[in-house]
N, C-alpha and C. Protein backbone atom coordinates (compact mmCIF):
# COMPACT_ATOMS: atom_id res chain seq x y z
N MET A 1 15.04 -0.32 7.78
CA MET A 1 13.51 -0.23 8.45
C MET A 1 13.05 0.93 8.62
N SER A 2 12.34 1.25 8.18
CA SER A 2 12.06 2.53 8.47
C SER A 2 12.03 3.43 9.25
N LYS A 3 11.75 4.40 10.14
CA LYS A 3 11.54 5.15 11.12
C LYS A 3 9.87 4.68 11.12
N GLY A 4 9.69 6.31 10.06
CA GLY A 4 8.32 6.26 9.95
C GLY A 4 8.35 6.90 8.61
N LYS A 5 7.41 6.52 8.35
CA LYS A 5 7.19 7.38 6.87
C LYS A 5 5.61 8.31 7.18
N ASP A 6 4.70 7.80 8.23
CA ASP A 6 3.76 8.50 8.07
C ASP A 6 3.48 10.31 8.82
N ILE A 7 5.22 10.36 9.20
CA ILE A 7 5.67 11.73 9.50
C ILE A 7 5.46 12.88 9.52
N ARG A 8 5.15 13.02 7.69
CA ARG A 8 4.77 14.33 7.06
C ARG A 8 3.48 13.47 6.53
N THR A 9 2.44 14.37 6.95
CA THR A 9 0.55 14.57 7.24
C THR A 9 0.48 15.47 5.86
N ILE A 10 -1.15 15.58 5.57
CA ILE A 10 -0.62 16.08 3.85
C ILE A 10 -2.04 17.21 5.43
N VAL A 11 -2.23 18.02 4.73
CA VAL A 11 -3.38 18.54 6.15
C VAL A 11 -4.47 20.11 5.22
N ILE A 12 -5.50 20.38 4.75
CA ILE A 12 -6.07 21.09 4.67
C ILE A 12 -6.50 22.61 5.16
N LEU A 13 -6.28 23.56 4.88
CA LEU A 13 -5.93 24.04 6.44
C LEU A 13 -6.90 25.63 5.78
N GLU A 14 -8.53 25.64 6.14
CA GLU A 14 -9.42 26.61 5.93
C GLU A 14 -9.79 28.21 6.94
N CYS A 15 -9.68 29.41 5.88
CA CYS A 15 -10.45 29.64 6.14
C CYS A 15 -11.26 30.63 7.64
N THR A 16 -10.70 30.65 8.47
CA THR A 16 -11.48 31.05 9.93
C THR A 16 -12.79 31.64 9.89
N CYS A 17 -13.07 32.80 8.78
CA CYS A 17 -13.19 33.94 8.84
C CYS A 17 -14.57 33.41 7.76
N CYS A 18 -14.46 32.49 7.18
CA CYS A 18 -15.46 32.50 5.87
C CYS A 18 -16.38 31.33 6.55
N VAL A 19 -15.81 30.37 7.36
CA VAL A 19 -16.32 29.82 8.26
C VAL A 19 -17.21 30.30 9.14
N GLN A 20 -16.89 31.54 9.71
CA GLN A 20 -17.87 31.37 10.85
C GLN A 20 -18.77 32.91 10.73
N LYS A 21 -19.39 33.26 9.47
CA LYS A 21 -19.72 34.18 8.18
C LYS A 21 -21.37 32.92 8.33
N GLY A 22 -20.44 32.35 7.09
CA GLY A 22 -21.28 30.84 6.56
C GLY A 22 -20.76 31.17 5.42
N VAL A 23 -21.71 30.59 4.73
CA VAL A 23 -21.14 30.32 2.71
C VAL A 23 -22.16 31.44 2.55
N ASN A 24 -22.12 32.58 2.14
CA ASN A 24 -24.52 33.29 1.09
C ASN A 24 -23.80 33.55 0.06
N LYS A 25 -25.22 33.69 0.00
CA LYS A 25 -24.36 33.84 -2.29
C LYS A 25 -24.19 34.38 -2.38
N GLU A 26 -23.37 35.64 -1.65
CA GLU A 26 -22.59 36.41 -2.53
C GLU A 26 -20.81 36.09 -2.33
N SER A 27 -20.47 34.76 -1.15
CA SER A 27 -19.32 34.04 -2.17
C SER A 27 -19.37 33.11 -2.13
N PRO A 28 -18.81 32.36 -3.55
CA PRO A 28 -19.34 31.15 -3.58
C PRO A 28 -18.76 30.36 -2.66
N GLY A 29 -17.73 31.10 -2.08
CA GLY A 29 -17.24 29.15 -1.20
C GLY A 29 -16.57 29.34 0.20
N ILE A 30 -15.29 28.16 0.30
CA ILE A 30 -14.31 28.94 1.09
C ILE A 30 -13.39 28.38 1.23
N SER A 31 -12.47 29.35 2.03
CA SER A 31 -10.84 29.28 0.84
C SER A 31 -9.67 27.83 1.92
N ARG A 32 -9.77 27.03 1.32
CA ARG A 32 -8.49 26.26 1.31
C ARG A 32 -7.12 25.52 0.73
N TYR A 33 -6.45 25.82 1.56
CA TYR A 33 -5.02 25.60 1.29
C TYR A 33 -4.87 23.84 0.78
N ILE A 34 -3.65 23.09 0.09
CA ILE A 34 -3.36 21.75 0.65
C ILE A 34 -1.80 22.24 1.12
N THR A 35 -1.29 21.01 2.54
CA THR A 35 0.11 21.44 2.69
C THR A 35 0.60 20.91 3.09
N GLN A 36 1.90 20.23 3.28
CA GLN A 36 2.07 19.01 4.62
C GLN A 36 2.93 20.89 6.23
N LYS A 37 2.76 19.41 6.81
CA LYS A 37 2.93 19.50 7.82
C LYS A 37 3.53 17.90 8.76
N ASN A 38 5.16 18.96 9.00
CA ASN A 38 5.87 16.51 10.43
C ASN A 38 5.20 16.98 11.89
N ARG A 39 4.29 16.05 12.17
CA ARG A 39 4.23 15.60 13.60
C ARG A 39 4.94 16.34 14.37
N ARG A 40 6.13 15.45 13.90
CA ARG A 40 6.96 15.55 15.13
C ARG A 40 7.30 17.53 15.59
N ASN A 41 7.84 17.83 14.56
CA ASN A 41 7.02 19.08 14.96
C ASN A 41 6.55 20.33 15.81
N THR A 42 5.07 20.31 14.53
CA THR A 42 4.42 20.62 14.93
C THR A 42 2.03 19.58 15.35
N PRO A 43 2.63 19.14 15.91
CA PRO A 43 2.16 18.29 16.62
C PRO A 43 0.38 18.80 17.17
N ASN A 44 0.38 20.27 17.30
CA ASN A 44 -0.92 20.48 17.56
C ASN A 44 -1.18 20.72 16.77
N ILE A 45 -2.51 21.89 15.87
CA ILE A 45 -3.58 22.59 15.26
C ILE A 45 -2.60 23.22 14.55
N LEU A 46 -2.47 23.31 13.71
CA LEU A 46 -1.90 23.87 11.99
C LEU A 46 -2.62 25.50 11.69
N GLU A 47 -2.06 27.22 12.16
CA GLU A 47 -2.43 28.00 12.17
C GLU A 47 -1.90 29.18 11.17
N LEU A 48 -2.37 29.27 10.29
CA LEU A 48 -0.97 30.68 9.02
C LEU A 48 -1.74 31.42 9.08
N LYS A 49 -1.37 32.11 8.64
CA LYS A 49 -2.30 33.14 8.14
C LYS A 49 -1.82 34.09 6.39
N LYS A 50 -2.67 33.39 5.69
CA LYS A 50 -2.73 33.32 4.37
C LYS A 50 -3.94 34.14 3.59
N PHE A 51 -3.84 34.50 2.53
CA PHE A 51 -4.42 35.31 2.02
C PHE A 51 -5.94 34.03 1.41
N CYS A 52 -7.02 34.37 1.67
CA CYS A 52 -8.22 34.18 1.07
C CYS A 52 -9.66 35.20 0.28
N SER A 53 -9.30 34.50 -1.02
CA SER A 53 -9.72 35.29 -2.02
C SER A 53 -11.76 35.37 -1.80
N TYR A 54 -11.94 35.11 -1.01
CA TYR A 54 -13.16 35.47 -0.61
C TYR A 54 -13.36 36.89 -0.11
N CYS A 55 -12.44 36.05 0.23
CA CYS A 55 -12.90 38.16 2.17
C CYS A 55 -11.23 39.07 0.89
N LYS A 56 -11.37 38.59 0.31
CA LYS A 56 -10.44 39.69 -0.15
C LYS A 56 -9.47 40.04 0.84
N LYS A 57 -9.12 39.94 2.06
CA LYS A 57 -7.84 39.69 3.09
C LYS A 57 -7.18 38.46 3.93
N TYR A 58 -6.15 39.44 4.51
CA TYR A 58 -5.32 38.13 4.53
C TYR A 58 -6.39 38.37 6.03
N THR A 59 -5.81 36.33 5.96
CA THR A 59 -7.07 35.77 7.34
C THR A 59 -5.85 34.33 7.87
N ILE A 60 -6.51 34.09 9.06
CA ILE A 60 -6.22 33.40 9.70
C ILE A 60 -7.49 31.75 9.53
N HIS A 61 -6.36 30.83 9.08
CA HIS A 61 -6.41 29.56 8.41
C HIS A 61 -6.15 28.28 8.90
N ARG A 62 -7.07 27.10 9.73
CA ARG A 62 -6.89 26.63 10.24
C ARG A 62 -6.80 25.17 10.17
N GLU A 63 -6.10 24.49 10.47
CA GLU A 63 -6.41 22.51 9.53
C GLU A 63 -7.52 22.57 10.53
N ILE A 64 -8.20 21.40 9.10
CA ILE A 64 -9.73 20.79 9.62
C ILE A 64 -9.45 19.08 9.06
N LYS A 65 -9.78 17.80 10.08
CA LYS A 65 -10.08 17.28 9.66
C LYS A 65 -10.34 16.23 8.21
N LYS A 66 -9.75 15.49 7.49
CA LYS A 66 -9.92 14.93 6.56
C LYS A 66 -11.19 14.15 6.40
């Protein structure tokens, strides 16, 4: 019997700067990354510094709900 198959979950990371500015005509969208996290080790919302191709700089990407 397995202890828990849903320990590692797929999460979507979204750029916080693009969300705050809103999507305008100059930028075609919001930067998003797909990754996995271990719920036991990181029960809180995941935040990573990733490159945003729309802002053209490294920004904080925060986990969003599916």
